[in-house]
């Protein structure tokens, strides 16, 4: 699974998304608005594939999933978390 998290500085939902992915034991690549795109929204749009208004934005296997809430929905559909974003214990 190839995960890319587009983030920006001082973004609590960016931090939550990265934490969730790490907690699930998955690896991701972070692309920072400030570092990787020089705060240039045009470069960001080209990389994501569409204009977005919020961060984070997450791509999984080159498909745009969306923001933090959509990430939770994605993992919930896979049976990895509940709809609160809590990891499901599979004992």
N, C-alpha and C. Protein backbone atom coordinates (compact mmCIF):
# COMPACT_ATOMS: atom_id res chain seq x y z
N UNK A 1 0.85 -1.17 0.00
CA UNK A 1 0.00 0.00 0.00
C UNK A 1 0.90 1.24 0.00
N UNK A 2 0.73 2.09 -0.98
CA UNK A 2 1.52 3.32 -1.09
C UNK A 2 0.66 4.49 -0.59
N UNK A 3 1.09 5.11 0.51
CA UNK A 3 0.31 6.19 1.12
C UNK A 3 1.12 7.48 1.05
N UNK A 4 0.49 8.55 0.56
CA UNK A 4 1.08 9.87 0.53
C UNK A 4 0.16 10.80 1.31
N UNK A 5 0.72 11.49 2.31
CA UNK A 5 -0.05 12.44 3.10
C UNK A 5 0.46 13.84 2.79
N UNK A 6 -0.40 14.65 2.22
CA UNK A 6 -0.10 16.05 1.95
C UNK A 6 -0.49 16.83 3.20
N UNK A 7 0.46 17.60 3.73
CA UNK A 7 0.21 18.28 5.00
C UNK A 7 0.71 19.72 4.95
N UNK A 8 0.39 20.43 6.02
CA UNK A 8 0.92 21.78 6.19
C UNK A 8 1.28 21.97 7.66
N UNK A 9 2.06 22.98 7.94
CA UNK A 9 2.48 23.26 9.31
C UNK A 9 1.28 23.59 10.19
N UNK A 10 1.40 23.22 11.47
CA UNK A 10 0.39 23.55 12.47
C UNK A 10 -1.01 23.06 12.12
N UNK A 11 -1.11 21.88 11.57
CA UNK A 11 -2.38 21.30 11.14
C UNK A 11 -2.68 20.09 12.02
N UNK A 12 -3.65 20.21 12.92
CA UNK A 12 -3.93 19.11 13.84
C UNK A 12 -4.45 17.87 13.13
N UNK A 13 -5.22 18.03 12.07
CA UNK A 13 -5.74 16.87 11.36
C UNK A 13 -4.64 16.18 10.54
N UNK A 14 -3.64 16.94 10.10
CA UNK A 14 -2.48 16.35 9.45
C UNK A 14 -1.74 15.45 10.44
N UNK A 15 -1.55 15.96 11.65
CA UNK A 15 -0.89 15.19 12.70
C UNK A 15 -1.68 13.94 13.03
N UNK A 16 -3.00 14.07 13.13
CA UNK A 16 -3.85 12.91 13.43
C UNK A 16 -3.77 11.86 12.33
N UNK A 17 -3.77 12.29 11.08
CA UNK A 17 -3.71 11.35 9.95
C UNK A 17 -2.39 10.58 9.98
N UNK A 18 -1.28 11.29 10.20
CA UNK A 18 0.02 10.63 10.24
C UNK A 18 0.09 9.65 11.41
N UNK A 19 -0.46 10.06 12.56
CA UNK A 19 -0.47 9.18 13.74
C UNK A 19 -1.30 7.92 13.48
N UNK A 20 -2.45 8.07 12.87
CA UNK A 20 -3.31 6.93 12.58
C UNK A 20 -2.59 5.93 11.67
N UNK A 21 -1.98 6.43 10.62
CA UNK A 21 -1.29 5.55 9.68
C UNK A 21 -0.13 4.83 10.39
N UNK A 22 0.65 5.56 11.18
CA UNK A 22 1.75 4.95 11.93
C UNK A 22 1.25 3.90 12.90
N UNK A 23 0.16 4.22 13.62
CA UNK A 23 -0.40 3.30 14.61
C UNK A 23 -0.87 2.01 13.96
N UNK A 24 -1.32 2.09 12.73
CA UNK A 24 -1.73 0.89 12.00
C UNK A 24 -0.53 0.10 11.48
N UNK A 25 0.67 0.63 11.70
CA UNK A 25 1.87 -0.06 11.27
C UNK A 25 2.17 0.11 9.79
N UNK A 26 1.60 1.15 9.19
CA UNK A 26 1.79 1.41 7.77
C UNK A 26 2.81 2.52 7.57
N UNK A 27 3.48 2.48 6.45
CA UNK A 27 4.44 3.53 6.11
C UNK A 27 3.77 4.53 5.17
N UNK A 28 4.26 5.76 5.20
CA UNK A 28 3.72 6.79 4.32
C UNK A 28 4.84 7.76 3.94
N UNK A 29 4.58 8.48 2.88
CA UNK A 29 5.45 9.57 2.45
C UNK A 29 4.69 10.86 2.75
N UNK A 30 5.37 11.79 3.39
CA UNK A 30 4.74 13.08 3.68
C UNK A 30 5.22 14.11 2.67
N UNK A 31 4.27 14.86 2.13
CA UNK A 31 4.60 15.99 1.26
C UNK A 31 4.04 17.24 1.92
N UNK A 32 4.94 18.14 2.26
CA UNK A 32 4.58 19.34 2.99
C UNK A 32 4.34 20.51 2.04
N UNK A 33 3.25 21.22 2.26
CA UNK A 33 2.93 22.40 1.45
C UNK A 33 4.09 23.38 1.48
N UNK A 34 4.63 23.61 2.67
CA UNK A 34 5.69 24.60 2.82
C UNK A 34 7.04 24.12 2.27
N UNK A 35 7.38 22.86 2.50
CA UNK A 35 8.71 22.36 2.10
C UNK A 35 8.75 21.85 0.66
N UNK A 36 7.76 21.06 0.28
CA UNK A 36 7.80 20.41 -1.02
C UNK A 36 7.18 21.23 -2.14
N UNK A 37 6.35 22.19 -1.78
CA UNK A 37 5.66 22.97 -2.82
C UNK A 37 5.92 24.47 -2.69
N UNK A 38 6.83 24.85 -1.79
CA UNK A 38 7.16 26.26 -1.58
C UNK A 38 5.92 27.11 -1.40
N UNK A 39 4.91 26.54 -0.71
CA UNK A 39 3.62 27.21 -0.51
C UNK A 39 2.97 27.62 -1.83
N UNK A 40 3.29 26.92 -2.90
CA UNK A 40 2.75 27.22 -4.23
C UNK A 40 1.56 26.30 -4.49
N UNK A 41 0.34 26.84 -4.41
CA UNK A 41 -0.85 26.00 -4.58
C UNK A 41 -0.97 25.39 -5.98
N UNK A 42 -0.38 26.00 -6.99
CA UNK A 42 -0.47 25.46 -8.35
C UNK A 42 0.30 24.14 -8.43
N UNK A 43 1.50 24.10 -7.86
CA UNK A 43 2.27 22.86 -7.83
C UNK A 43 1.53 21.78 -7.05
N UNK A 44 0.89 22.18 -5.96
CA UNK A 44 0.14 21.23 -5.14
C UNK A 44 -1.03 20.64 -5.92
N UNK A 45 -1.77 21.49 -6.63
CA UNK A 45 -2.90 21.02 -7.45
C UNK A 45 -2.41 20.04 -8.50
N UNK A 46 -1.29 20.33 -9.13
CA UNK A 46 -0.75 19.43 -10.15
C UNK A 46 -0.40 18.07 -9.55
N UNK A 47 0.16 18.07 -8.34
CA UNK A 47 0.57 16.82 -7.71
C UNK A 47 -0.63 16.01 -7.21
N UNK A 48 -1.60 16.69 -6.61
CA UNK A 48 -2.78 16.00 -6.09
C UNK A 48 -3.73 15.60 -7.22
N UNK A 49 -3.85 16.46 -8.21
CA UNK A 49 -4.73 16.16 -9.33
C UNK A 49 -6.00 16.97 -9.35
N UNK A 50 -6.21 17.80 -8.33
CA UNK A 50 -7.37 18.68 -8.29
C UNK A 50 -7.14 19.75 -7.22
N UNK A 51 -7.94 20.78 -7.27
CA UNK A 51 -7.83 21.85 -6.28
C UNK A 51 -8.51 21.40 -4.99
N UNK A 52 -7.84 21.63 -3.88
CA UNK A 52 -8.39 21.27 -2.57
C UNK A 52 -8.35 22.49 -1.67
N UNK A 53 -9.22 22.48 -0.68
CA UNK A 53 -9.30 23.62 0.23
C UNK A 53 -8.76 23.33 1.61
N UNK A 54 -8.62 22.06 1.94
CA UNK A 54 -8.20 21.70 3.29
C UNK A 54 -7.05 20.71 3.26
N UNK A 55 -6.38 20.64 4.39
CA UNK A 55 -5.31 19.67 4.60
C UNK A 55 -5.69 18.87 5.83
N UNK A 56 -5.28 17.64 5.92
CA UNK A 56 -4.44 16.93 4.98
C UNK A 56 -5.24 16.45 3.78
N UNK A 57 -4.52 16.03 2.78
CA UNK A 57 -5.09 15.28 1.66
C UNK A 57 -4.28 14.01 1.59
N UNK A 58 -4.95 12.89 1.39
CA UNK A 58 -4.28 11.60 1.41
C UNK A 58 -4.55 10.85 0.13
N UNK A 59 -3.47 10.32 -0.45
CA UNK A 59 -3.58 9.43 -1.60
C UNK A 59 -3.14 8.04 -1.16
N UNK A 60 -3.90 7.05 -1.56
CA UNK A 60 -3.52 5.66 -1.31
C UNK A 60 -3.49 4.96 -2.67
N UNK A 61 -2.35 4.37 -2.96
CA UNK A 61 -2.14 3.72 -4.26
C UNK A 61 -2.51 4.64 -5.41
N UNK A 62 -2.04 5.88 -5.32
CA UNK A 62 -2.21 6.93 -6.35
C UNK A 62 -3.66 7.39 -6.54
N UNK A 63 -4.55 7.01 -5.64
CA UNK A 63 -5.95 7.46 -5.70
C UNK A 63 -6.21 8.40 -4.53
N UNK A 64 -6.78 9.57 -4.82
CA UNK A 64 -7.07 10.54 -3.78
C UNK A 64 -8.23 10.03 -2.92
N UNK A 65 -7.92 9.82 -1.64
CA UNK A 65 -8.93 9.39 -0.67
C UNK A 65 -9.67 10.61 -0.12
N UNK A 66 -8.93 11.67 0.16
CA UNK A 66 -9.52 12.89 0.72
C UNK A 66 -8.79 13.29 1.98
N UNK A 67 -9.54 13.85 2.92
CA UNK A 67 -8.96 14.33 4.17
C UNK A 67 -8.97 13.30 5.27
N UNK A 68 -8.83 13.77 6.51
CA UNK A 68 -8.74 12.89 7.67
C UNK A 68 -9.99 12.04 7.84
N UNK A 69 -11.16 12.64 7.74
CA UNK A 69 -12.41 11.88 7.92
C UNK A 69 -12.56 10.81 6.84
N UNK A 70 -12.18 11.12 5.63
CA UNK A 70 -12.25 10.13 4.55
C UNK A 70 -11.23 9.01 4.76
N UNK A 71 -10.09 9.35 5.38
CA UNK A 71 -9.10 8.33 5.71
C UNK A 71 -9.67 7.34 6.72
N UNK A 72 -10.36 7.87 7.73
CA UNK A 72 -11.01 6.99 8.72
C UNK A 72 -12.03 6.10 8.02
N UNK A 73 -12.84 6.67 7.15
CA UNK A 73 -13.83 5.87 6.42
C UNK A 73 -13.15 4.78 5.59
N UNK A 74 -12.06 5.12 4.93
CA UNK A 74 -11.32 4.16 4.11
C UNK A 74 -10.86 2.98 4.96
N UNK A 75 -10.21 3.28 6.10
CA UNK A 75 -9.72 2.21 6.96
C UNK A 75 -10.86 1.46 7.65
N UNK A 76 -11.97 2.14 7.93
CA UNK A 76 -13.13 1.47 8.52
C UNK A 76 -13.71 0.47 7.54
N UNK A 77 -13.76 0.85 6.27
CA UNK A 77 -14.25 -0.08 5.24
C UNK A 77 -13.36 -1.31 5.12
N UNK A 78 -12.09 -1.16 5.47
CA UNK A 78 -11.14 -2.28 5.44
C UNK A 78 -11.17 -3.09 6.74
N UNK A 79 -11.98 -2.62 7.72
CA UNK A 79 -12.08 -3.32 9.00
C UNK A 79 -10.92 -3.07 9.94
N UNK A 80 -10.16 -1.99 9.70
CA UNK A 80 -8.99 -1.70 10.54
C UNK A 80 -9.29 -0.76 11.70
N UNK A 81 -10.27 0.12 11.52
CA UNK A 81 -10.66 1.06 12.57
C UNK A 81 -12.18 1.13 12.62
N UNK A 82 -12.70 1.67 13.74
CA UNK A 82 -14.14 1.95 13.77
C UNK A 82 -14.36 3.36 13.23
N UNK A 83 -15.59 3.81 13.22
CA UNK A 83 -15.86 5.12 12.62
C UNK A 83 -15.46 6.28 13.51
N UNK A 84 -14.90 5.99 14.69
CA UNK A 84 -14.30 7.03 15.53
C UNK A 84 -12.80 7.13 15.26
N UNK A 85 -12.30 6.22 14.43
CA UNK A 85 -10.87 6.20 14.14
C UNK A 85 -10.07 5.37 15.12
N UNK A 86 -10.77 4.58 15.96
CA UNK A 86 -10.10 3.74 16.93
C UNK A 86 -9.78 2.38 16.29
N UNK A 87 -8.57 1.92 16.53
CA UNK A 87 -8.12 0.68 15.93
C UNK A 87 -8.93 -0.49 16.50
N UNK A 88 -9.36 -1.35 15.61
CA UNK A 88 -10.14 -2.53 16.01
C UNK A 88 -9.18 -3.62 16.43
N UNK A 89 -9.36 -4.11 17.64
CA UNK A 89 -8.51 -5.16 18.19
C UNK A 89 -9.00 -6.50 17.65
N UNK A 90 -8.16 -7.14 16.86
CA UNK A 90 -8.53 -8.43 16.26
C UNK A 90 -7.88 -9.58 17.02
N UNK A 91 -8.49 -9.95 18.11
CA UNK A 91 -7.96 -11.06 18.93
C UNK A 91 -8.59 -12.35 18.53
